[in-house]
Amino acid sequence: MLLLFKKEAAILVEGLFSDHKRLAEAVKKVDVVICTMSRVHFWSHIIFFWQLKL
């Protein structure tokens, strides 16, 4: 799917959730934000946030 966006001249920016400054700068300059991550990474974040709420 990302290759289709690239084919249509989209500019893809890779980033890390831990790099807040770069991520915030990129989001301010775009029309659309699509976030992708692996299933393992996603579930590790969900488990971490559940632990914070307890």
PDB file of N, CA and C in Angstrom:
ATOM      1  N   MET A   1       0.816  -1.181   0.000  1.00  0.00           N
ATOM      2  CA  MET A   1       0.000   0.000   0.000  1.00  0.00           C
ATOM      3  C   MET A   1       0.872   1.263   0.000  1.00  0.00           C
ATOM      4  N   LEU A   2       1.941   1.253   0.790  1.00  0.00           N
ATOM      5  CA  LEU A   2       2.806   2.427   0.837  1.00  0.00           C
ATOM      6  C   LEU A   2       3.445   2.696  -0.517  1.00  0.00           C
ATOM      7  N   LEU A   3       3.743   1.638  -1.257  1.00  0.00           N
ATOM      8  CA  LEU A   3       4.328   1.822  -2.584  1.00  0.00           C
ATOM      9  C   LEU A   3       3.339   2.495  -3.530  1.00  0.00           C
ATOM     10  N   LEU A   4       2.049   2.216  -3.359  1.00  0.00           N
ATOM     11  CA  LEU A   4       1.034   2.886  -4.175  1.00  0.00           C
ATOM     12  C   LEU A   4       1.012   4.385  -3.884  1.00  0.00           C
ATOM     13  N   PHE A   5       1.123   4.761  -2.621  1.00  0.00           N
ATOM     14  CA  PHE A   5       1.185   6.179  -2.267  1.00  0.00           C
ATOM     15  C   PHE A   5       2.412   6.836  -2.896  1.00  0.00           C
ATOM     16  N   LYS A   6       3.547   6.134  -2.809  1.00  0.00           N
ATOM     17  CA  LYS A   6       4.779   6.661  -3.384  1.00  0.00           C
ATOM     18  C   LYS A   6       4.642   6.854  -4.895  1.00  0.00           C
ATOM     19  N   LYS A   7       3.981   5.899  -5.546  1.00  0.00           N
ATOM     20  CA  LYS A   7       3.769   5.975  -6.991  1.00  0.00           C
ATOM     21  C   LYS A   7       2.957   7.218  -7.357  1.00  0.00           C
ATOM     22  N   GLU A   8       2.077   7.647  -6.465  1.00  0.00           N
ATOM     23  CA  GLU A   8       1.248   8.837  -6.691  1.00  0.00           C
ATOM     24  C   GLU A   8       1.930  10.112  -6.198  1.00  0.00           C
ATOM     25  N   ALA A   9       3.241  10.040  -5.982  1.00  0.00           N
ATOM     26  CA  ALA A   9       4.088  11.175  -5.596  1.00  0.00           C
ATOM     27  C   ALA A   9       3.940  11.590  -4.135  1.00  0.00           C
ATOM     28  N   ALA A  10       3.454  10.694  -3.298  1.00  0.00           N
ATOM     29  CA  ALA A  10       3.404  10.993  -1.865  1.00  0.00           C
ATOM     30  C   ALA A  10       4.822  10.971  -1.299  1.00  0.00           C
ATOM     31  N   ILE A  11       5.056  11.788  -0.318  1.00  0.00           N
ATOM     32  CA  ILE A  11       6.341  11.804   0.366  1.00  0.00           C
ATOM     33  C   ILE A  11       6.164  11.043   1.679  1.00  0.00           C
ATOM     34  N   LEU A  12       6.893   9.951   1.825  1.00  0.00           N
ATOM     35  CA  LEU A  12       6.789   9.119   3.022  1.00  0.00           C
ATOM     36  C   LEU A  12       7.881   9.510   4.006  1.00  0.00           C
ATOM     37  N   VAL A  13       7.503   9.658   5.254  1.00  0.00           N
ATOM     38  CA  VAL A  13       8.446  10.028   6.298  1.00  0.00           C
ATOM     39  C   VAL A  13       8.421   8.950   7.365  1.00  0.00           C
ATOM     40  N   GLU A  14       9.583   8.362   7.626  1.00  0.00           N
ATOM     41  CA  GLU A  14       9.679   7.383   8.707  1.00  0.00           C
ATOM     42  C   GLU A  14       9.998   8.111   9.998  1.00  0.00           C
ATOM     43  N   GLY A  15       9.469   7.603  11.085  1.00  0.00           N
ATOM     44  CA  GLY A  15       9.742   8.219  12.367  1.00  0.00           C
ATOM     45  C   GLY A  15       9.557   7.236  13.501  1.00  0.00           C
ATOM     46  N   LEU A  16       9.950   7.650  14.648  1.00  0.00           N
ATOM     47  CA  LEU A  16       9.807   6.846  15.855  1.00  0.00           C
ATOM     48  C   LEU A  16       8.899   7.579  16.829  1.00  0.00           C
ATOM     49  N   PHE A  17       8.095   6.827  17.563  1.00  0.00           N
ATOM     50  CA  PHE A  17       7.255   7.443  18.572  1.00  0.00           C
ATOM     51  C   PHE A  17       8.108   8.130  19.638  1.00  0.00           C
ATOM     52  N   SER A  18       9.303   7.631  19.848  1.00  0.00           N
ATOM     53  CA  SER A  18      10.171   8.209  20.873  1.00  0.00           C
ATOM     54  C   SER A  18      10.832   9.516  20.420  1.00  0.00           C
ATOM     55  N   ASP A  19      10.815   9.805  19.117  1.00  0.00           N
ATOM     56  CA  ASP A  19      11.403  11.044  18.594  1.00  0.00           C
ATOM     57  C   ASP A  19      10.298  12.084  18.440  1.00  0.00           C
ATOM     58  N   HIS A  20       9.804  12.593  19.563  1.00  0.00           N
ATOM     59  CA  HIS A  20       8.631  13.462  19.584  1.00  0.00           C
ATOM     60  C   HIS A  20       8.839  14.731  18.764  1.00  0.00           C
ATOM     61  N   LYS A  21      10.002  15.348  18.861  1.00  0.00           N
ATOM     62  CA  LYS A  21      10.241  16.618  18.163  1.00  0.00           C
ATOM     63  C   LYS A  21      10.112  16.442  16.647  1.00  0.00           C
ATOM     64  N   ARG A  22      10.789  15.440  16.086  1.00  0.00           N
ATOM     65  CA  ARG A  22      10.738  15.216  14.639  1.00  0.00           C
ATOM     66  C   ARG A  22       9.335  14.809  14.204  1.00  0.00           C
ATOM     67  N   LEU A  23       8.686  13.997  15.002  1.00  0.00           N
ATOM     68  CA  LEU A  23       7.329  13.550  14.687  1.00  0.00           C
ATOM     69  C   LEU A  23       6.361  14.730  14.666  1.00  0.00           C
ATOM     70  N   ALA A  24       6.456  15.616  15.650  1.00  0.00           N
ATOM     71  CA  ALA A  24       5.581  16.784  15.714  1.00  0.00           C
ATOM     72  C   ALA A  24       5.826  17.724  14.531  1.00  0.00           C
ATOM     73  N   GLU A  25       7.087  17.920  14.160  1.00  0.00           N
ATOM     74  CA  GLU A  25       7.407  18.766  13.015  1.00  0.00           C
ATOM     75  C   GLU A  25       6.829  18.195  11.724  1.00  0.00           C
ATOM     76  N   ALA A  26       6.919  16.885  11.545  1.00  0.00           N
ATOM     77  CA  ALA A  26       6.404  16.237  10.337  1.00  0.00           C
ATOM     78  C   ALA A  26       4.882  16.338  10.269  1.00  0.00           C
ATOM     79  N   VAL A  27       4.207  16.127  11.378  1.00  0.00           N
ATOM     80  CA  VAL A  27       2.742  16.158  11.407  1.00  0.00           C
ATOM     81  C   VAL A  27       2.217  17.555  11.065  1.00  0.00           C
ATOM     82  N   LYS A  28       2.924  18.592  11.473  1.00  0.00           N
ATOM     83  CA  LYS A  28       2.498  19.968  11.186  1.00  0.00           C
ATOM     84  C   LYS A  28       2.536  20.292   9.690  1.00  0.00           C
ATOM     85  N   LYS A  29       3.330  19.535   8.922  1.00  0.00           N
ATOM     86  CA  LYS A  29       3.534  19.839   7.510  1.00  0.00           C
ATOM     87  C   LYS A  29       2.706  18.978   6.553  1.00  0.00           C
ATOM     88  N   VAL A  30       1.879  18.096   7.058  1.00  0.00           N
ATOM     89  CA  VAL A  30       1.215  17.131   6.175  1.00  0.00           C
ATOM     90  C   VAL A  30      -0.294  17.309   6.149  1.00  0.00           C
ATOM     91  N   ASP A  31      -0.905  16.714   5.132  1.00  0.00           N
ATOM     92  CA  ASP A  31      -2.359  16.692   5.006  1.00  0.00           C
ATOM     93  C   ASP A  31      -2.952  15.425   5.616  1.00  0.00           C
ATOM     94  N   VAL A  32      -2.195  14.329   5.562  1.00  0.00           N
ATOM     95  CA  VAL A  32      -2.691  13.032   6.036  1.00  0.00           C
ATOM     96  C   VAL A  32      -1.591  12.338   6.826  1.00  0.00           C
ATOM     97  N   VAL A  33      -1.967  11.710   7.935  1.00  0.00           N
ATOM     98  CA  VAL A  33      -1.032  10.914   8.725  1.00  0.00           C
ATOM     99  C   VAL A  33      -1.540   9.480   8.758  1.00  0.00           C
ATOM    100  N   ILE A  34      -0.687   8.559   8.361  1.00  0.00           N
ATOM    101  CA  ILE A  34      -1.001   7.132   8.431  1.00  0.00           C
ATOM    102  C   ILE A  34       0.063   6.501   9.313  1.00  0.00           C
ATOM    103  N   CYS A  35      -0.364   5.855  10.338  1.00  0.00           N
ATOM    104  CA  CYS A  35       0.559   5.223  11.281  1.00  0.00           C
ATOM    105  C   CYS A  35       0.521   3.715  11.084  1.00  0.00           C
ATOM    106  N   THR A  36       1.680   3.131  10.893  1.00  0.00           N
ATOM    107  CA  THR A  36       1.763   1.681  10.780  1.00  0.00           C
ATOM    108  C   THR A  36       2.776   1.156  11.786  1.00  0.00           C
ATOM    109  N   MET A  37       2.503  -0.016  12.306  1.00  0.00           N
ATOM    110  CA  MET A  37       3.455  -0.681  13.192  1.00  0.00           C
ATOM    111  C   MET A  37       3.163  -2.172  13.183  1.00  0.00           C
ATOM    112  N   SER A  38       4.128  -2.942  13.586  1.00  0.00           N
ATOM    113  CA  SER A  38       3.946  -4.390  13.618  1.00  0.00           C
ATOM    114  C   SER A  38       2.948  -4.770  14.709  1.00  0.00           C
ATOM    115  N   ARG A  39       2.338  -5.918  14.561  1.00  0.00           N
ATOM    116  CA  ARG A  39       1.363  -6.404  15.543  1.00  0.00           C
ATOM    117  C   ARG A  39       2.012  -6.569  16.918  1.00  0.00           C
ATOM    118  N   VAL A  40       3.229  -7.096  16.935  1.00  0.00           N
ATOM    119  CA  VAL A  40       3.939  -7.301  18.205  1.00  0.00           C
ATOM    120  C   VAL A  40       4.177  -5.962  18.899  1.00  0.00           C
ATOM    121  N   HIS A  41       4.609  -4.967  18.127  1.00  0.00           N
ATOM    122  CA  HIS A  41       4.864  -3.645  18.689  1.00  0.00           C
ATOM    123  C   HIS A  41       3.563  -3.029  19.210  1.00  0.00           C
ATOM    124  N   PHE A  42       2.488  -3.171  18.445  1.00  0.00           N
ATOM    125  CA  PHE A  42       1.187  -2.642  18.842  1.00  0.00           C
ATOM    126  C   PHE A  42       0.751  -3.232  20.179  1.00  0.00           C
ATOM    127  N   TRP A  43       0.790  -4.557  20.301  1.00  0.00           N
ATOM    128  CA  TRP A  43       0.335  -5.200  21.536  1.00  0.00           C
ATOM    129  C   TRP A  43       1.230  -4.870  22.722  1.00  0.00           C
ATOM    130  N   SER A  44       2.522  -4.669  22.484  1.00  0.00           N
ATOM    131  CA  SER A  44       3.396  -4.296  23.599  1.00  0.00           C
ATOM    132  C   SER A  44       3.012  -2.914  24.124  1.00  0.00           C
ATOM    133  N   HIS A  45       2.586  -1.998  23.239  1.00  0.00           N
ATOM    134  CA  HIS A  45       2.132  -0.679  23.681  1.00  0.00           C
ATOM    135  C   HIS A  45       0.811  -0.779  24.434  1.00  0.00           C
ATOM    136  N   ILE A  46      -0.101  -1.599  23.949  1.00  0.00           N
ATOM    137  CA  ILE A  46      -1.396  -1.764  24.616  1.00  0.00           C
ATOM    138  C   ILE A  46      -1.193  -2.304  26.029  1.00  0.00           C
ATOM    139  N   ILE A  47      -0.364  -3.306  26.157  1.00  0.00           N
ATOM    140  CA  ILE A  47      -0.100  -3.893  27.477  1.00  0.00           C
ATOM    141  C   ILE A  47       0.533  -2.849  28.394  1.00  0.00           C
ATOM    142  N   PHE A  48       1.475  -2.054  27.861  1.00  0.00           N
ATOM    143  CA  PHE A  48       2.124  -1.011  28.661  1.00  0.00           C
ATOM    144  C   PHE A  48       1.097   0.006  29.162  1.00  0.00           C
ATOM    145  N   PHE A  49       0.184   0.456  28.289  1.00  0.00           N
ATOM    146  CA  PHE A  49      -0.810   1.444  28.705  1.00  0.00           C
ATOM    147  C   PHE A  49      -1.810   0.861  29.704  1.00  0.00           C
ATOM    148  N   TRP A  50      -2.152  -0.415  29.558  1.00  0.00           N
ATOM    149  CA  TRP A  50      -3.025  -1.051  30.544  1.00  0.00           C
ATOM    150  C   TRP A  50      -2.367  -1.047  31.917  1.00  0.00           C
ATOM    151  N   GLN A  51      -1.059  -1.317  31.946  1.00  0.00           N
ATOM    152  CA  GLN A  51      -0.341  -1.332  33.221  1.00  0.00           C
ATOM    153  C   GLN A  51      -0.315   0.059  33.851  1.00  0.00           C
ATOM    154  N   LEU A  52      -0.238   1.092  33.033  1.00  0.00           N
ATOM    155  CA  LEU A  52      -0.239   2.450  33.565  1.00  0.00           C
ATOM    156  C   LEU A  52      -1.566   2.801  34.231  1.00  0.00           C
ATOM    157  N   LYS A  53      -2.664   2.278  33.673  1.00  0.00           N
ATOM    158  CA  LYS A  53      -3.981   2.578  34.217  1.00  0.00           C
ATOM    159  C   LYS A  53      -4.257   1.853  35.528  1.00  0.00           C
ATOM    160  N   LEU A  54      -3.561   0.748  35.759  1.00  0.00           N
ATOM    161  CA  LEU A  54      -3.790  -0.030  36.990  1.00  0.00           C
ATOM    162  C   LEU A  54      -3.148   0.583  38.149  1.00  0.00           C
TER     163      LEU A  54
END
